[in-house]
């Protein structure tokens, strides 16, 4: 039995929402998980038999402070209920507010993949992550394992080009709290 178009769209939207909810601990503030998902695209195709939803053409995926922009986003669910998402573009980008400190992290790559079973986000081809603090990491591949809270960054050289296959990282020093005049002790006040 085929579902009406509105139910298929709702099912595709639900798949996309599940990807976002699964990605929320990695990408966004915890409060974002309770926010509605909004997806804009030029077109959307849902395949219920394959449990996939494909959004194409200037895709903007928003949930709370999380914003993903791509030319194409494909979301699929496996038989165990885990979600896998792939965003592609020239480049695909994301922006989210970091938990606790109020700063933002921006990322981009030609392809961004999320696997909530492995709790891992991977950035492929011309990958870059930046924080408001000025920290900046670049490479051909960046992987973030949320369970282990571990980043892996790799780059490869390309024969016949100036690319030397190096990872680039700029880590800014942490700003210390300004020190003001010390409070007078009890003897000085008397």
N, C-alpha and C. Protein backbone atom coordinates (compact mmCIF):
# COMPACT_ATOMS: atom_id res chain seq x y z
N UNK A 1 0.83 -1.18 0.00
CA UNK A 1 0.00 0.00 0.00
C UNK A 1 0.87 1.24 0.00
N UNK A 2 0.66 2.13 -0.94
CA UNK A 2 1.43 3.38 -1.02
C UNK A 2 0.77 4.44 -0.17
N UNK A 3 1.61 5.16 0.56
CA UNK A 3 1.10 6.25 1.38
C UNK A 3 0.85 7.47 0.51
N UNK A 4 -0.11 8.33 0.90
CA UNK A 4 -0.31 9.58 0.16
C UNK A 4 0.95 10.43 0.24
N UNK A 5 1.10 11.35 -0.72
CA UNK A 5 2.29 12.21 -0.80
C UNK A 5 2.56 12.93 0.52
N UNK A 6 1.54 13.43 1.19
CA UNK A 6 1.75 14.16 2.44
C UNK A 6 2.32 13.25 3.51
N UNK A 7 1.90 11.98 3.57
CA UNK A 7 2.43 11.04 4.56
C UNK A 7 3.87 10.65 4.22
N UNK A 8 4.19 10.52 2.91
CA UNK A 8 5.57 10.22 2.50
C UNK A 8 6.47 11.36 2.89
N UNK A 9 6.03 12.59 2.66
CA UNK A 9 6.83 13.76 3.03
C UNK A 9 7.04 13.79 4.54
N UNK A 10 6.00 13.48 5.29
CA UNK A 10 6.11 13.45 6.75
C UNK A 10 7.11 12.38 7.18
N UNK A 11 7.09 11.22 6.53
CA UNK A 11 8.01 10.14 6.87
C UNK A 11 9.45 10.56 6.57
N UNK A 12 9.66 11.20 5.42
CA UNK A 12 11.00 11.67 5.07
C UNK A 12 11.47 12.73 6.05
N UNK A 13 10.57 13.60 6.41
CA UNK A 13 10.90 14.65 7.37
C UNK A 13 11.27 14.02 8.71
N UNK A 14 10.54 12.99 9.11
CA UNK A 14 10.83 12.32 10.38
C UNK A 14 12.21 11.66 10.34
N UNK A 15 12.56 11.05 9.20
CA UNK A 15 13.90 10.47 9.06
C UNK A 15 14.96 11.54 9.22
N UNK A 16 14.76 12.68 8.56
CA UNK A 16 15.72 13.76 8.66
C UNK A 16 15.79 14.28 10.09
N UNK A 17 14.65 14.37 10.74
CA UNK A 17 14.63 14.83 12.13
C UNK A 17 15.40 13.88 13.03
N UNK A 18 15.26 12.57 12.78
CA UNK A 18 15.98 11.60 13.59
C UNK A 18 17.48 11.77 13.43
N UNK A 19 17.93 12.07 12.19
CA UNK A 19 19.35 12.30 11.97
C UNK A 19 19.81 13.49 12.79
N UNK A 20 19.02 14.55 12.77
CA UNK A 20 19.39 15.74 13.52
C UNK A 20 19.40 15.45 15.00
N UNK A 21 18.38 14.76 15.49
CA UNK A 21 18.34 14.46 16.92
C UNK A 21 19.53 13.61 17.32
N UNK A 22 19.90 12.68 16.47
CA UNK A 22 21.04 11.84 16.77
C UNK A 22 22.33 12.65 16.72
N UNK A 23 22.40 13.61 15.82
CA UNK A 23 23.60 14.43 15.68
C UNK A 23 23.69 15.50 16.74
N UNK A 24 22.60 15.82 17.39
CA UNK A 24 22.57 16.95 18.31
C UNK A 24 23.64 16.90 19.39
N UNK A 25 23.92 15.77 20.05
CA UNK A 25 24.95 15.80 21.08
C UNK A 25 26.31 16.22 20.53
N UNK A 26 26.61 15.90 19.31
CA UNK A 26 27.88 16.25 18.73
C UNK A 26 27.90 17.67 18.22
N UNK A 27 26.84 18.08 17.52
CA UNK A 27 26.84 19.35 16.84
C UNK A 27 26.28 20.51 17.64
N UNK A 28 25.33 20.30 18.50
CA UNK A 28 24.60 21.44 19.02
C UNK A 28 24.37 21.35 20.51
N UNK A 29 23.88 22.46 21.04
CA UNK A 29 23.52 22.49 22.45
C UNK A 29 22.47 21.43 22.72
N UNK A 30 22.46 20.92 23.93
CA UNK A 30 21.49 19.89 24.29
C UNK A 30 20.05 20.39 24.14
N UNK A 31 19.81 21.66 24.40
CA UNK A 31 18.45 22.18 24.28
C UNK A 31 17.96 22.15 22.84
N UNK A 32 18.86 22.09 21.87
CA UNK A 32 18.46 22.04 20.46
C UNK A 32 17.68 20.77 20.14
N UNK A 33 17.91 19.69 20.89
CA UNK A 33 17.22 18.44 20.61
C UNK A 33 15.71 18.56 20.74
N UNK A 34 15.26 19.51 21.55
CA UNK A 34 13.83 19.71 21.75
C UNK A 34 13.22 20.71 20.79
N UNK A 35 14.03 21.27 19.91
CA UNK A 35 13.55 22.27 18.96
C UNK A 35 13.05 21.59 17.69
N UNK A 36 12.12 22.23 16.98
CA UNK A 36 11.63 21.64 15.74
C UNK A 36 12.70 21.67 14.65
N UNK A 37 12.60 20.72 13.73
CA UNK A 37 13.49 20.64 12.58
C UNK A 37 12.82 21.36 11.41
N UNK A 38 13.60 22.16 10.71
CA UNK A 38 13.11 22.84 9.52
C UNK A 38 14.06 22.51 8.38
N UNK A 39 13.51 22.04 7.26
CA UNK A 39 14.33 21.72 6.09
C UNK A 39 13.75 22.43 4.89
N UNK A 40 14.60 23.16 4.19
CA UNK A 40 14.22 23.80 2.94
C UNK A 40 15.10 23.22 1.84
N UNK A 41 14.51 22.93 0.69
CA UNK A 41 15.26 22.39 -0.44
C UNK A 41 14.44 22.63 -1.70
N UNK A 42 15.09 22.53 -2.84
CA UNK A 42 14.37 22.65 -4.10
C UNK A 42 13.52 21.42 -4.38
N UNK A 43 13.97 20.24 -3.87
CA UNK A 43 13.19 19.02 -4.06
C UNK A 43 13.50 18.03 -2.96
N UNK A 44 12.58 17.06 -2.77
CA UNK A 44 12.74 16.02 -1.79
C UNK A 44 12.15 14.73 -2.35
N UNK A 45 12.86 13.63 -2.15
CA UNK A 45 12.38 12.32 -2.57
C UNK A 45 12.50 11.38 -1.38
N UNK A 46 11.42 10.64 -1.09
CA UNK A 46 11.44 9.68 0.00
C UNK A 46 11.22 8.29 -0.57
N UNK A 47 12.02 7.33 -0.10
CA UNK A 47 11.88 5.94 -0.50
C UNK A 47 11.67 5.15 0.78
N UNK A 48 10.41 4.85 1.09
CA UNK A 48 10.09 4.17 2.34
C UNK A 48 10.66 2.77 2.40
N UNK A 49 10.70 2.07 1.28
CA UNK A 49 11.23 0.70 1.26
C UNK A 49 12.70 0.70 1.65
N UNK A 50 13.45 1.69 1.19
CA UNK A 50 14.88 1.78 1.52
C UNK A 50 15.14 2.62 2.75
N UNK A 51 14.09 3.20 3.32
CA UNK A 51 14.20 4.07 4.49
C UNK A 51 15.19 5.20 4.26
N UNK A 52 15.01 5.89 3.12
CA UNK A 52 15.87 7.02 2.80
C UNK A 52 15.03 8.25 2.45
N UNK A 53 15.62 9.40 2.68
CA UNK A 53 15.04 10.67 2.26
C UNK A 53 16.17 11.49 1.66
N UNK A 54 15.94 12.05 0.47
CA UNK A 54 16.95 12.83 -0.22
C UNK A 54 16.41 14.23 -0.45
N UNK A 55 17.15 15.22 0.03
CA UNK A 55 16.82 16.63 -0.17
C UNK A 55 17.87 17.20 -1.09
N UNK A 56 17.43 17.92 -2.16
CA UNK A 56 18.39 18.44 -3.13
C UNK A 56 18.10 19.90 -3.46
N UNK A 57 19.18 20.62 -3.76
CA UNK A 57 19.09 22.00 -4.22
C UNK A 57 19.01 23.01 -3.10
N UNK A 58 20.13 23.63 -2.80
CA UNK A 58 20.20 24.68 -1.78
C UNK A 58 19.50 24.26 -0.49
N UNK A 59 19.91 23.10 0.03
CA UNK A 59 19.29 22.55 1.23
C UNK A 59 19.76 23.33 2.46
N UNK A 60 18.80 23.72 3.28
CA UNK A 60 19.09 24.38 4.55
C UNK A 60 18.35 23.59 5.62
N UNK A 61 19.11 22.99 6.51
CA UNK A 61 18.61 22.11 7.55
C UNK A 61 18.86 22.83 8.88
N UNK A 62 17.80 23.14 9.63
CA UNK A 62 17.94 23.92 10.87
C UNK A 62 17.23 23.23 12.02
N UNK A 63 17.89 23.20 13.15
CA UNK A 63 17.25 22.78 14.40
C UNK A 63 17.94 23.56 15.52
N UNK A 64 17.21 24.52 16.09
CA UNK A 64 17.80 25.36 17.12
C UNK A 64 18.99 26.11 16.57
N UNK A 65 20.15 25.96 17.21
CA UNK A 65 21.35 26.67 16.75
C UNK A 65 22.11 25.92 15.67
N UNK A 66 21.70 24.70 15.34
CA UNK A 66 22.36 23.90 14.31
C UNK A 66 21.85 24.28 12.94
N UNK A 67 22.76 24.64 12.03
CA UNK A 67 22.39 24.95 10.65
C UNK A 67 23.36 24.20 9.73
N UNK A 68 22.80 23.35 8.85
CA UNK A 68 23.60 22.64 7.85
C UNK A 68 23.14 23.13 6.49
N UNK A 69 24.08 23.52 5.65
CA UNK A 69 23.78 23.95 4.28
C UNK A 69 24.53 23.03 3.33
N UNK A 70 23.82 22.55 2.32
CA UNK A 70 24.43 21.62 1.37
C UNK A 70 23.64 21.65 0.07
N UNK A 71 24.23 21.13 -0.96
CA UNK A 71 23.49 20.97 -2.22
C UNK A 71 22.60 19.75 -2.14
N UNK A 72 23.01 18.78 -1.29
CA UNK A 72 22.25 17.53 -1.19
C UNK A 72 22.45 16.93 0.19
N UNK A 73 21.36 16.48 0.80
CA UNK A 73 21.43 15.74 2.06
C UNK A 73 20.63 14.47 1.89
N UNK A 74 21.26 13.33 2.18
CA UNK A 74 20.60 12.02 2.13
C UNK A 74 20.61 11.45 3.54
N UNK A 75 19.44 11.06 4.02
CA UNK A 75 19.30 10.48 5.35
C UNK A 75 18.74 9.08 5.18
N UNK A 76 19.35 8.10 5.85
CA UNK A 76 18.83 6.74 5.79
C UNK A 76 18.84 6.13 7.18
N UNK A 77 17.94 5.18 7.38
CA UNK A 77 17.83 4.50 8.66
C UNK A 77 18.07 3.02 8.42
N UNK A 78 18.92 2.40 9.25
CA UNK A 78 19.17 0.96 9.07
C UNK A 78 18.10 0.15 9.79
N UNK A 79 18.18 -1.17 9.66
CA UNK A 79 17.16 -2.06 10.24
C UNK A 79 17.12 -2.02 11.76
N UNK A 80 18.21 -1.57 12.39
CA UNK A 80 18.25 -1.46 13.84
C UNK A 80 17.72 -0.12 14.33
N UNK A 81 17.39 0.79 13.40
CA UNK A 81 16.87 2.10 13.77
C UNK A 81 17.92 3.19 13.87
N UNK A 82 19.17 2.87 13.54
CA UNK A 82 20.22 3.88 13.57
C UNK A 82 20.17 4.73 12.30
N UNK A 83 20.51 6.00 12.44
CA UNK A 83 20.47 6.91 11.30
C UNK A 83 21.87 7.22 10.80
N UNK A 84 21.94 7.41 9.49
CA UNK A 84 23.17 7.77 8.81
C UNK A 84 22.82 8.91 7.86
N UNK A 85 23.60 9.96 7.89
CA UNK A 85 23.32 11.09 7.02
C UNK A 85 24.55 11.52 6.26
N UNK A 86 24.35 11.97 5.02
CA UNK A 86 25.44 12.47 4.20
C UNK A 86 25.01 13.80 3.59
N UNK A 87 25.80 14.83 3.84
CA UNK A 87 25.58 16.15 3.25
C UNK A 87 26.72 16.43 2.29
N UNK A 88 26.39 16.84 1.06
CA UNK A 88 27.43 17.15 0.07
C UNK A 88 27.19 18.54 -0.49
N UNK A 89 28.27 19.18 -0.89
CA UNK A 89 28.18 20.51 -1.48
C UNK A 89 29.54 20.99 -1.91
N UNK A 90 29.61 22.25 -2.24
CA UNK A 90 30.88 22.82 -2.71
C UNK A 90 31.23 24.07 -1.92
N UNK A 91 31.43 24.00 -0.63
CA UNK A 91 31.35 22.83 0.25
C UNK A 91 30.01 22.76 0.97
N UNK A 92 29.80 21.65 1.70
CA UNK A 92 28.70 21.54 2.65
C UNK A 92 29.20 22.21 3.93
N UNK A 93 28.33 22.93 4.62
CA UNK A 93 28.77 23.65 5.82
C UNK A 93 27.84 23.37 6.98
N UNK A 94 28.35 23.57 8.18
CA UNK A 94 27.50 23.54 9.35
C UNK A 94 27.97 24.59 10.33
N UNK A 95 27.04 25.02 11.17
CA UNK A 95 27.34 25.98 12.23
C UNK A 95 26.49 25.59 13.43
N UNK A 96 27.08 25.62 14.61
CA UNK A 96 26.30 25.33 15.81
C UNK A 96 26.89 26.05 17.01
N UNK A 97 26.05 26.24 17.98
CA UNK A 97 26.45 26.86 19.23
C UNK A 97 26.98 25.76 20.15
N UNK A 98 28.16 26.01 20.71
CA UNK A 98 28.76 25.02 21.59
C UNK A 98 28.06 25.01 22.94
N UNK A 99 27.98 23.84 23.51
CA UNK A 99 27.37 23.66 24.82
C UNK A 99 28.17 24.43 25.87
N UNK A 100 27.48 25.23 26.64
CA UNK A 100 28.10 25.87 27.79
C UNK A 100 28.79 27.19 27.58
N UNK A 101 29.63 27.33 26.56
CA UNK A 101 30.43 28.55 26.47
C UNK A 101 29.82 29.62 25.57
N UNK A 102 28.76 29.33 24.86
CA UNK A 102 28.09 30.33 24.04
C UNK A 102 28.78 30.62 22.72
N UNK A 103 29.96 30.06 22.49
CA UNK A 103 30.66 30.27 21.22
C UNK A 103 30.11 29.37 20.15
N UNK A 104 30.54 29.60 18.92
CA UNK A 104 30.09 28.79 17.79
C UNK A 104 31.25 28.02 17.21
N UNK A 105 30.92 26.89 16.59
CA UNK A 105 31.89 26.13 15.82
C UNK A 105 31.35 26.03 14.40
N UNK A 106 32.22 26.27 13.43
CA UNK A 106 31.86 26.21 12.02
C UNK A 106 32.67 25.12 11.37
N UNK A 107 32.05 24.36 10.48
CA UNK A 107 32.75 23.31 9.78
C UNK A 107 32.36 23.30 8.32
N UNK A 108 33.25 22.78 7.50
CA UNK A 108 32.93 22.64 6.09
C UNK A 108 33.76 21.52 5.48
N UNK A 109 33.22 20.92 4.45
CA UNK A 109 33.90 19.88 3.68
C UNK A 109 33.05 19.62 2.44
N UNK A 110 33.61 18.96 1.49
CA UNK A 110 32.84 18.61 0.30
C UNK A 110 31.78 17.56 0.64
N UNK A 111 32.08 16.72 1.69
CA UNK A 111 31.12 15.72 2.14
C UNK A 111 31.23 15.60 3.66
N UNK A 112 30.08 15.62 4.32
CA UNK A 112 30.01 15.44 5.77
C UNK A 112 29.11 14.24 6.03
N UNK A 113 29.61 13.25 6.79
CA UNK A 113 28.84 12.05 7.09
C UNK A 113 28.68 11.89 8.59
N UNK A 114 27.47 11.50 8.99
CA UNK A 114 27.20 11.25 10.41
C UNK A 114 26.64 9.84 10.55
N UNK A 115 27.18 9.11 11.52
CA UNK A 115 26.72 7.74 11.80
C UNK A 115 26.39 7.69 13.28
N UNK A 116 25.08 7.66 13.63
CA UNK A 116 24.77 7.70 15.05
C UNK A 116 24.96 6.35 15.73
N UNK A 117 25.10 5.27 14.99
CA UNK A 117 25.42 3.98 15.60
C UNK A 117 26.84 4.02 16.16
N UNK A 118 27.76 4.54 15.36
CA UNK A 118 29.15 4.68 15.79
C UNK A 118 29.39 5.98 16.57
N UNK A 119 28.40 6.88 16.55
CA UNK A 119 28.51 8.20 17.20
C UNK A 119 29.73 8.93 16.66
N UNK A 120 29.80 9.00 15.32
CA UNK A 120 30.96 9.59 14.66
C UNK A 120 30.52 10.54 13.53
N UNK A 121 31.24 11.65 13.41
CA UNK A 121 31.04 12.59 12.32
C UNK A 121 32.34 12.64 11.54
N UNK A 122 32.25 12.54 10.21
CA UNK A 122 33.45 12.58 9.37
C UNK A 122 33.30 13.63 8.28
N UNK A 123 34.39 14.35 8.04
CA UNK A 123 34.44 15.42 7.04
C UNK A 123 35.45 15.00 5.99
N UNK A 124 35.04 14.99 4.73
CA UNK A 124 35.89 14.50 3.64
C UNK A 124 36.18 15.62 2.65
N UNK A 125 37.41 15.70 2.19
CA UNK A 125 37.84 16.59 1.12
C UNK A 125 37.72 18.07 1.52
N UNK A 126 38.88 18.69 1.65
CA UNK A 126 38.97 20.10 2.01
C UNK A 126 38.22 20.39 3.31
N UNK A 127 38.47 19.56 4.31
CA UNK A 127 37.78 19.66 5.59
C UNK A 127 38.38 20.76 6.45
N UNK A 128 37.49 21.45 7.18
CA UNK A 128 37.95 22.54 8.03
C UNK A 128 36.97 22.71 9.20
N UNK A 129 37.51 22.88 10.39
CA UNK A 129 36.73 23.19 11.58
C UNK A 129 37.32 24.44 12.22
N UNK A 130 36.45 25.39 12.61
CA UNK A 130 36.88 26.63 13.25
C UNK A 130 36.00 26.93 14.45
N UNK A 131 36.61 27.53 15.48
CA UNK A 131 35.85 28.00 16.63
C UNK A 131 35.97 29.51 16.71
N UNK A 132 35.01 30.14 17.38
CA UNK A 132 35.05 31.59 17.58
C UNK A 132 36.35 32.04 18.24
N UNK A 133 36.94 31.18 19.04
CA UNK A 133 38.17 31.52 19.76
C UNK A 133 39.35 31.72 18.82
N UNK A 134 39.20 31.30 17.56
CA UNK A 134 40.30 31.41 16.60
C UNK A 134 40.94 30.08 16.26
N UNK A 135 40.60 29.02 17.01
CA UNK A 135 41.13 27.68 16.70
C UNK A 135 40.67 27.30 15.29
N UNK A 136 41.57 26.70 14.52
CA UNK A 136 41.28 26.37 13.12
C UNK A 136 42.04 25.11 12.76
N UNK A 137 41.33 24.08 12.30
CA UNK A 137 41.95 22.81 11.91
C UNK A 137 41.58 22.52 10.47
N UNK A 138 42.58 22.15 9.65
CA UNK A 138 42.35 21.83 8.24
C UNK A 138 43.04 20.53 7.87
N UNK A 139 42.41 19.81 6.97
CA UNK A 139 42.98 18.58 6.46
C UNK A 139 42.08 18.03 5.38
N UNK A 140 42.48 16.94 4.78
CA UNK A 140 41.65 16.30 3.76
C UNK A 140 40.54 15.48 4.41
N UNK A 141 40.79 15.04 5.65
CA UNK A 141 39.83 14.20 6.37
C UNK A 141 39.88 14.56 7.85
N UNK A 142 38.70 14.80 8.44
CA UNK A 142 38.59 15.02 9.88
C UNK A 142 37.51 14.09 10.39
N UNK A 143 37.82 13.34 11.44
CA UNK A 143 36.86 12.44 12.05
C UNK A 143 36.73 12.82 13.51
N UNK A 144 35.48 12.88 14.00
CA UNK A 144 35.25 13.14 15.41
C UNK A 144 34.46 11.97 15.98
N UNK A 145 35.06 11.28 16.94
CA UNK A 145 34.43 10.17 17.64
C UNK A 145 33.87 10.74 18.94
N UNK A 146 32.55 10.89 19.02
CA UNK A 146 31.91 11.53 20.18
C UNK A 146 32.03 10.67 21.42
N UNK A 147 32.03 9.34 21.28
CA UNK A 147 32.15 8.46 22.45
C UNK A 147 33.50 8.64 23.13
N UNK A 148 34.56 8.65 22.34
CA UNK A 148 35.91 8.78 22.88
C UNK A 148 36.33 10.24 23.00
N UNK A 149 35.52 11.16 22.48
CA UNK A 149 35.86 12.59 22.43
C UNK A 149 37.25 12.77 21.82
N UNK A 150 37.42 12.20 20.62
CA UNK A 150 38.72 12.17 19.96
C UNK A 150 38.60 12.62 18.51
N UNK A 151 39.51 13.52 18.11
CA UNK A 151 39.60 13.97 16.73
C UNK A 151 40.75 13.27 16.03
N UNK A 152 40.57 12.97 14.76
CA UNK A 152 41.64 12.48 13.91
C UNK A 152 41.63 13.35 12.67
N UNK A 153 42.79 13.87 12.28
CA UNK A 153 42.90 14.73 11.11
C UNK A 153 44.02 14.17 10.24
N UNK A 154 43.74 14.02 8.93
CA UNK A 154 44.75 13.53 7.99
C UNK A 154 44.73 14.34 6.72
N UNK A 155 45.86 14.40 6.06
CA UNK A 155 45.95 15.00 4.74
C UNK A 155 46.87 14.16 3.89
N UNK A 156 46.63 14.20 2.60
CA UNK A 156 47.46 13.46 1.66
C UNK A 156 47.96 14.42 0.60
N UNK A 157 49.16 14.20 0.14
CA UNK A 157 49.70 15.02 -0.94
C UNK A 157 49.09 14.62 -2.26
N UNK A 158 49.06 15.54 -3.18
CA UNK A 158 48.54 15.24 -4.51
C UNK A 158 49.67 15.42 -5.52
N UNK A 159 50.05 14.35 -6.23
CA UNK A 159 51.14 14.44 -7.20
C UNK A 159 50.86 15.53 -8.24
N UNK A 160 51.90 16.30 -8.54
CA UNK A 160 51.78 17.32 -9.57
C UNK A 160 51.15 18.62 -9.09
N UNK A 161 50.93 18.75 -7.78
CA UNK A 161 50.35 19.98 -7.23
C UNK A 161 51.27 20.53 -6.14
N UNK A 162 50.94 21.69 -5.65
CA UNK A 162 51.71 22.29 -4.56
C UNK A 162 51.28 21.78 -3.20
N UNK A 163 50.25 20.94 -3.17
CA UNK A 163 49.79 20.42 -1.87
C UNK A 163 50.83 19.47 -1.33
N UNK A 164 51.24 19.70 -0.14
CA UNK A 164 52.28 18.87 0.46
C UNK A 164 51.74 17.82 1.41
N UNK A 165 50.42 17.68 1.52
CA UNK A 165 49.85 16.63 2.35
C UNK A 165 50.04 16.85 3.83
N UNK A 166 49.87 18.07 4.28
CA UNK A 166 50.07 18.39 5.68
C UNK A 166 48.76 18.81 6.34
N UNK A 167 48.62 18.46 7.61
CA UNK A 167 47.51 18.92 8.42
C UNK A 167 47.89 20.31 8.94
N UNK A 168 46.95 21.21 8.98
CA UNK A 168 47.19 22.57 9.49
C UNK A 168 46.31 22.80 10.72
N UNK A 169 46.90 23.30 11.79
CA UNK A 169 46.14 23.60 13.00
C UNK A 169 46.64 24.90 13.61
N UNK A 170 45.71 25.74 13.99
CA UNK A 170 46.01 26.95 14.74
C UNK A 170 45.22 26.85 16.02
N UNK A 171 45.90 26.82 17.14
CA UNK A 171 45.26 26.72 18.45
C UNK A 171 45.58 28.01 19.21
N UNK A 172 44.55 28.75 19.52
CA UNK A 172 44.74 30.03 20.20
C UNK A 172 44.89 29.79 21.70
N UNK A 173 45.74 30.60 22.36
CA UNK A 173 45.86 30.46 23.81
C UNK A 173 44.55 30.85 24.49
N UNK A 174 44.29 30.20 25.60
CA UNK A 174 43.09 30.53 26.37
C UNK A 174 43.31 31.86 27.05
N UNK A 175 42.28 32.69 27.01
CA UNK A 175 42.39 33.99 27.66
C UNK A 175 42.16 33.80 29.15
N UNK A 176 43.07 34.37 29.94
CA UNK A 176 42.90 34.27 31.38
C UNK A 176 41.98 35.38 31.86
N UNK A 177 41.35 35.14 32.98
CA UNK A 177 40.44 36.13 33.56
C UNK A 177 41.24 37.35 33.99
N UNK A 178 40.72 38.56 33.75
CA UNK A 178 41.47 39.75 34.16
C UNK A 178 41.60 39.78 35.68
N UNK A 179 42.79 40.15 36.12
CA UNK A 179 42.99 40.23 37.57
C UNK A 179 42.82 41.67 38.00
N UNK A 180 41.94 41.85 38.93
CA UNK A 180 41.69 43.18 39.45
C UNK A 180 42.43 43.37 40.75
N UNK A 181 42.27 44.54 41.37
CA UNK A 181 42.95 44.75 42.65
C UNK A 181 42.41 43.78 43.69
N UNK A 182 43.30 43.31 44.50
CA UNK A 182 42.92 42.36 45.54
C UNK A 182 42.05 43.05 46.57
N UNK A 183 41.13 42.30 47.12
CA UNK A 183 40.27 42.86 48.17
C UNK A 183 41.09 43.12 49.41
N UNK A 184 40.84 44.23 50.07
CA UNK A 184 41.63 44.51 51.27
C UNK A 184 41.33 43.47 52.34
N UNK A 185 42.40 43.07 53.07
CA UNK A 185 42.15 42.10 54.12
C UNK A 185 41.64 42.82 55.35
N UNK A 186 41.27 42.08 56.36
CA UNK A 186 40.61 42.63 57.55
C UNK A 186 41.44 43.70 58.24
N UNK A 187 42.78 43.53 58.29
CA UNK A 187 43.64 44.50 58.98
C UNK A 187 43.64 45.82 58.25
N UNK A 188 43.62 45.83 56.92
CA UNK A 188 43.65 47.07 56.16
C UNK A 188 42.35 47.84 56.29
N UNK A 189 41.24 47.16 56.54
CA UNK A 189 39.95 47.85 56.65
C UNK A 189 39.80 48.55 58.00
N UNK A 190 40.51 48.13 59.01
CA UNK A 190 40.37 48.71 60.35
C UNK A 190 41.26 49.88 60.56
